[in-house]
Amino acid sequence: MPASAAFADKVITNAIEIEGLTKRLGTFELGPLNLNIPRGTFVGLIGENGAGKSTTIKCLHGILEPDGGGVEVLGHDPLHDNPAYKARVGFVFDDLYLPENFMMKQVERFNKYLYGEAWQSEVFAGFVKRFGLPAKKTIKKFSRGMKMKLGLACALSHGAELLILDEPTSGLDPVVRDEVLDILLEFLQDENHTVLFSSHILSDLEKAADYIAFIHEGKLLLMEPKDEMKERYALLQGSADQIAALDPKAILGRRHTEFGDTLLVRRDKVPAGLTLEKPSIEDIMVYLIKGAQK
């Protein structure tokens, strides 16, 4: 049976499956990384610069070949894909990888060549109009926000079921960032559509994400539903005696200040009567990094 037929018969519950992925680049080593992205969800991939987010995404694209383990994207190996599979996945990177002398007509022609019958000219024209992108300007004259909108328009105009975005809102003003997120949430109205969104702008993920996957120094620290995660963990600022009395397993991270210590704790392991605050995604990331550095 041809590989394409085998994949057609396969029931896919995860849009992305990463198993034992390792990749060394210079002194940096990713993994072993195990991560499943459920179909029909918006997953925020977070971590500091250099944590391994972009390396992971390049392995999903097929730009990088894993040293060990493997990945499946919509049931396919990205290194041995086919044109039909390519059309089902849209990638948006932090830069627009098109010749800077292209105008909209050349962008359209290039994508039509790349995606063949899957390319949707009318859909693309609709996004160009919606985003107010100029037809007669070369890409070189586009602002960063315009380039990001063009990349998103391309990714959404070939019938993609999965969007993978690497720092797409970095350097954009809040209005444009909000517009991008609204479009992604529209895309997710189809329950078979999935978004993997790498970002260090965590306020974007507070608004949109269903799950948070957190990578630190090439390792996955957590992959949890966002709302459950924010209920499971809490911030505690207590006296020295109160903190000393805590079960050590309750403490995930600690921040020292001149006013005392603030801890990220497991809510279910903290005695009743202590004042707890709900953390932001940024709080959880910062405190978990501090916990990992102990």
Protein backbone atom coordinates (compact mmCIF):
# COMPACT_ATOMS: atom_id res chain seq x y z
CA MET A 1 0.00 0.00 0.00
CA PRO A 2 1.40 3.44 -0.86
CA ALA A 3 2.36 5.55 2.12
CA SER A 4 -0.21 8.19 1.18
CA ALA A 5 -3.01 5.60 1.25
CA ALA A 6 -1.85 4.31 4.62
CA PHE A 7 -1.96 7.82 6.05
CA ALA A 8 -5.41 8.40 4.56
CA ASP A 9 -6.75 5.41 6.53
CA LYS A 10 -5.08 6.48 9.76
CA VAL A 11 -7.25 8.14 12.40
CA ILE A 12 -5.28 11.13 13.65
CA THR A 13 -6.12 12.37 17.14
CA ASN A 14 -2.92 14.40 17.52
CA ALA A 15 -2.01 16.96 14.87
CA ILE A 16 1.63 16.68 15.97
CA GLU A 17 3.42 13.80 17.68
CA ILE A 18 7.01 14.20 18.88
CA GLU A 19 8.67 11.14 20.39
CA GLY A 20 12.18 11.09 21.82
CA LEU A 21 13.28 13.97 19.56
CA THR A 22 16.92 15.00 19.94
CA LYS A 23 18.91 17.54 17.95
CA ARG A 24 22.35 18.98 18.69
CA LEU A 25 23.33 22.37 17.24
CA GLY A 26 26.78 23.43 18.39
CA THR A 27 26.74 23.37 22.19
CA PHE A 28 22.92 23.32 22.38
CA GLU A 29 21.06 20.03 22.65
CA LEU A 30 17.32 19.66 22.27
CA GLY A 31 15.60 16.79 24.02
CA PRO A 32 14.87 14.05 24.39
CA LEU A 33 11.53 15.73 23.73
CA ASN A 34 8.13 14.04 23.92
CA LEU A 35 5.14 16.19 23.04
CA ASN A 36 1.70 15.59 21.53
CA ILE A 37 -0.41 18.44 20.16
CA PRO A 38 -4.11 17.46 20.21
CA ARG A 39 -6.08 18.14 17.07
CA GLY A 40 -8.47 21.09 17.27
CA THR A 41 -6.50 23.05 19.87
CA PHE A 42 -4.41 26.21 20.17
CA VAL A 43 -1.11 25.32 21.86
CA GLY A 44 1.28 28.02 23.03
CA LEU A 45 4.93 26.96 22.92
CA ILE A 46 6.86 29.07 25.42
CA GLY A 47 10.40 29.35 26.78
CA GLU A 48 13.30 31.77 26.95
CA ASN A 49 15.29 32.70 23.85
CA GLY A 50 17.50 29.74 23.03
CA ALA A 51 15.30 27.22 24.87
CA GLY A 52 14.69 25.15 21.74
CA LYS A 53 11.39 26.44 20.39
CA SER A 54 12.67 27.33 16.91
CA THR A 55 14.75 24.15 16.69
CA THR A 56 11.64 22.11 17.44
CA ILE A 57 9.63 23.95 14.78
CA LYS A 58 12.39 23.51 12.19
CA CYS A 59 12.28 19.76 12.86
CA LEU A 60 8.49 19.86 12.34
CA HIS A 61 9.01 21.68 9.04
CA GLY A 62 11.72 19.31 7.82
CA ILE A 63 14.35 22.06 7.66
CA LEU A 64 16.32 20.16 10.31
CA GLU A 65 16.67 16.40 10.51
CA PRO A 66 16.44 14.96 14.03
CA ASP A 67 19.51 13.22 15.44
CA GLY A 68 17.26 10.83 17.32
CA GLY A 69 13.60 10.07 17.82
CA GLY A 70 11.11 11.44 15.36
CA VAL A 71 8.11 13.60 14.59
CA GLU A 72 4.81 13.12 12.80
CA VAL A 73 2.82 16.06 11.49
CA LEU A 74 -0.75 15.17 10.52
CA GLY A 75 0.44 11.57 10.42
CA HIS A 76 3.35 12.29 8.08
CA ASP A 77 7.11 12.40 8.44
CA PRO A 78 8.06 15.96 7.38
CA LEU A 79 11.29 14.69 5.85
CA HIS A 80 9.44 12.39 3.45
CA ASP A 81 6.34 14.38 2.63
CA ASN A 82 4.42 14.94 -0.59
CA PRO A 83 2.75 17.96 -2.19
CA ALA A 84 -0.71 17.07 -0.85
CA TYR A 85 0.65 16.95 2.70
CA LYS A 86 2.53 20.24 2.26
CA ALA A 87 -0.73 22.04 1.51
CA ARG A 88 -2.29 20.82 4.78
CA VAL A 89 0.29 22.62 6.95
CA GLY A 90 0.90 26.37 7.00
CA PHE A 91 4.11 27.77 8.47
CA VAL A 92 4.66 31.37 9.53
CA PHE A 93 8.15 32.30 10.69
CA ASP A 94 9.44 35.47 12.33
CA ASP A 95 10.60 36.67 8.92
CA LEU A 96 9.10 36.43 5.45
CA TYR A 97 11.16 34.12 3.27
CA LEU A 98 10.24 35.57 -0.11
CA PRO A 99 12.39 37.62 -2.51
CA GLU A 100 12.24 41.28 -1.50
CA ASN A 101 11.64 42.43 -5.08
CA PHE A 102 8.35 40.49 -5.25
CA MET A 103 5.08 42.39 -5.50
CA MET A 104 1.71 40.79 -4.77
CA LYS A 105 1.38 39.37 -8.27
CA GLN A 106 4.69 37.50 -7.92
CA VAL A 107 3.75 36.27 -4.42
CA GLU A 108 0.51 34.87 -5.85
CA ARG A 109 2.30 33.21 -8.78
CA PHE A 110 4.97 31.70 -6.53
CA ASN A 111 2.43 30.16 -4.14
CA LYS A 112 0.31 28.86 -6.99
CA TYR A 113 3.38 27.08 -8.33
CA LEU A 114 4.27 25.78 -4.85
CA TYR A 115 0.83 24.45 -3.85
CA GLY A 116 -0.76 23.71 -7.22
CA GLU A 117 -4.48 22.99 -7.10
CA ALA A 118 -4.55 23.49 -3.32
CA TRP A 119 -3.81 27.20 -3.73
CA GLN A 120 -6.93 29.35 -3.24
CA SER A 121 -6.51 32.60 -5.16
CA GLU A 122 -9.82 34.07 -4.04
CA VAL A 123 -9.07 33.37 -0.38
CA PHE A 124 -5.65 34.99 -0.75
CA ALA A 125 -7.15 38.05 -2.46
CA GLY A 126 -9.64 38.33 0.40
CA PHE A 127 -6.88 38.38 3.01
CA VAL A 128 -4.83 40.88 0.98
CA LYS A 129 -7.85 43.20 0.93
CA ARG A 130 -8.67 42.61 4.60
CA PHE A 131 -5.08 43.35 5.66
CA GLY A 132 -4.81 46.38 3.39
CA LEU A 133 -1.67 45.03 1.70
CA PRO A 134 -0.51 47.13 -1.28
CA ALA A 135 -0.47 45.38 -4.64
CA LYS A 136 2.11 47.67 -6.26
CA LYS A 137 4.76 47.77 -3.51
CA THR A 138 7.70 45.40 -3.31
CA ILE A 139 8.09 43.35 -0.12
CA LYS A 140 11.25 45.33 0.61
CA LYS A 141 9.07 48.37 1.34
CA PHE A 142 6.71 46.48 3.66
CA SER A 143 6.72 47.17 7.40
CA ARG A 144 7.29 44.24 9.76
CA GLY A 145 3.57 44.13 10.46
CA MET A 146 2.73 44.01 6.75
CA LYS A 147 5.23 41.19 6.20
CA MET A 148 3.69 39.19 9.03
CA LYS A 149 0.20 39.71 7.61
CA LEU A 150 1.38 38.61 4.17
CA GLY A 151 2.96 35.47 5.63
CA LEU A 152 -0.27 34.68 7.44
CA ALA A 153 -2.33 35.35 4.29
CA CYS A 154 -0.17 32.86 2.38
CA ALA A 155 -0.41 30.23 5.14
CA LEU A 156 -4.21 30.53 5.25
CA SER A 157 -4.74 30.33 1.48
CA HIS A 158 -3.96 26.71 0.65
CA GLY A 159 -6.45 24.78 2.77
CA ALA A 160 -4.16 24.21 5.75
CA GLU A 161 -5.53 22.23 8.70
CA LEU A 162 -2.54 23.03 10.90
CA LEU A 163 -0.77 26.36 11.40
CA ILE A 164 2.69 26.41 12.97
CA LEU A 165 3.89 29.89 13.85
CA ASP A 166 7.35 30.78 15.17
CA GLU A 167 7.37 34.11 17.05
CA PRO A 168 4.88 35.65 14.60
CA THR A 169 3.96 38.64 16.77
CA SER A 170 7.48 39.57 17.91
CA GLY A 171 8.11 43.26 17.26
CA LEU A 172 4.52 44.02 16.27
CA ASP A 173 2.43 46.71 17.89
CA PRO A 174 -0.46 45.58 20.15
CA VAL A 175 -3.16 46.41 17.58
CA VAL A 176 -1.58 44.21 14.89
CA ARG A 177 -0.89 41.43 17.42
CA ASP A 178 -4.54 41.46 18.44
CA GLU A 179 -5.62 41.31 14.80
CA VAL A 180 -3.39 38.29 14.16
CA LEU A 181 -4.80 36.48 17.20
CA ASP A 182 -8.38 37.19 16.11
CA ILE A 183 -7.66 35.61 12.72
CA LEU A 184 -6.15 32.53 14.35
CA LEU A 185 -9.21 32.16 16.59
CA GLU A 186 -11.41 32.40 13.48
CA PHE A 187 -9.31 29.64 11.90
CA LEU A 188 -9.97 27.46 14.97
CA GLN A 189 -13.74 27.68 14.51
CA ASP A 190 -13.26 24.52 12.43
CA GLU A 191 -12.80 21.78 15.05
CA ASN A 192 -10.29 19.96 12.82
CA HIS A 193 -7.95 22.96 12.70
CA THR A 194 -4.95 23.25 15.01
CA VAL A 195 -2.51 26.03 15.90
CA LEU A 196 0.98 25.69 17.40
CA PHE A 197 2.12 29.19 18.33
CA SER A 198 5.64 29.82 19.61
CA SER A 199 5.97 33.12 21.45
CA HIS A 200 7.70 34.93 24.27
CA ILE A 201 4.85 37.48 24.39
CA LEU A 202 2.88 35.59 26.97
CA SER A 203 -0.05 38.01 27.10
CA ASP A 204 -0.98 36.78 23.60
CA LEU A 205 -1.25 33.24 24.93
CA GLU A 206 -3.29 34.34 27.95
CA LYS A 207 -5.93 35.38 25.44
CA ALA A 208 -5.87 32.54 22.95
CA ALA A 209 -4.18 29.32 24.08
CA ASP A 210 -5.91 26.11 25.15
CA TYR A 211 -2.65 24.44 26.19
CA ILE A 212 0.78 25.66 27.23
CA ALA A 213 3.93 23.69 26.37
CA PHE A 214 6.99 25.03 28.18
CA ILE A 215 10.53 24.24 27.00
CA HIS A 216 13.56 25.13 29.11
CA GLU A 217 17.15 24.38 28.04
CA GLY A 218 15.93 21.89 25.45
CA LYS A 219 13.67 19.97 27.84
CA LEU A 220 9.90 19.99 28.19
CA LEU A 221 8.99 21.21 31.68
CA LEU A 222 5.22 21.01 31.23
CA MET A 223 2.39 20.56 28.76
CA GLU A 224 -0.95 21.35 30.40
CA PRO A 225 -4.32 22.94 29.68
CA LYS A 226 -3.85 26.67 30.32
CA ASP A 227 -6.85 27.16 32.58
CA GLU A 228 -6.17 24.02 34.63
CA MET A 229 -2.53 25.03 35.00
CA LYS A 230 -3.49 28.41 36.40
CA GLU A 231 -5.82 26.72 38.89
CA ARG A 232 -3.30 24.02 39.84
CA TYR A 233 -0.50 26.44 40.70
CA ALA A 234 -0.58 29.49 42.95
CA LEU A 235 1.65 32.28 44.24
CA LEU A 236 2.26 32.38 47.98
CA GLN A 237 3.90 35.17 49.94
CA GLY A 238 4.16 34.14 53.57
CA SER A 239 6.23 34.53 56.68
CA ALA A 240 9.49 32.64 57.12
CA ASP A 241 7.75 30.27 59.55
CA GLN A 242 4.87 29.60 57.16
CA ILE A 243 7.25 28.87 54.30
CA ALA A 244 9.46 26.65 56.46
CA ALA A 245 6.40 24.59 57.43
CA LEU A 246 5.47 23.79 53.82
CA ASP A 247 5.94 20.36 52.29
CA PRO A 248 9.05 20.76 50.06
CA LYS A 249 7.13 18.98 47.28
CA ALA A 250 4.67 21.87 47.28
CA ILE A 251 7.32 24.40 46.22
CA LEU A 252 8.04 24.66 42.50
CA GLY A 253 10.03 27.89 42.44
CA ARG A 254 11.03 30.79 44.66
CA ARG A 255 11.79 34.47 44.13
CA HIS A 256 13.74 36.44 46.73
CA THR A 257 12.96 40.14 47.20
CA GLU A 258 13.72 42.72 49.86
CA PHE A 259 10.16 42.26 51.11
CA GLY A 260 10.48 38.50 51.55
CA ASP A 261 10.05 35.38 49.45
CA THR A 262 7.28 34.65 46.96
CA LEU A 263 6.78 31.02 45.99
CA LEU A 264 5.09 29.19 43.16
CA VAL A 265 3.34 26.28 44.85
CA ARG A 266 1.06 23.37 44.08
CA ARG A 267 -2.28 24.57 45.37
CA ASP A 268 -3.39 21.10 46.54
CA LYS A 269 -0.31 20.68 48.75
CA VAL A 270 -0.65 23.96 50.66
CA PRO A 271 -2.48 24.02 54.04
CA ALA A 272 -5.80 25.86 54.24
CA GLY A 273 -5.72 29.37 55.63
CA LEU A 274 -2.80 30.71 53.60
CA THR A 275 -3.45 33.51 51.11
CA LEU A 276 -2.86 32.35 47.54
CA GLU A 277 -2.91 34.34 44.30
CA LYS A 278 -3.63 33.05 40.81
CA PRO A 279 -0.44 33.23 38.69
CA SER A 280 -0.08 34.46 35.13
CA ILE A 281 1.58 32.30 32.49
CA GLU A 282 4.64 34.53 32.86
CA ASP A 283 4.70 33.92 36.62
CA ILE A 284 4.61 30.17 36.09
CA MET A 285 7.40 30.29 33.51
CA VAL A 286 9.69 32.50 35.61
CA TYR A 287 9.23 30.50 38.81
CA LEU A 288 9.63 27.13 37.10
CA ILE A 289 12.91 28.32 35.58
CA LYS A 290 14.08 29.35 39.04
CA GLY A 291 13.04 25.94 40.35
CA ALA A 292 14.93 24.19 37.55
CA GLN A 293 18.08 26.18 38.41
CA LYS A 294 18.19 24.98 42.01
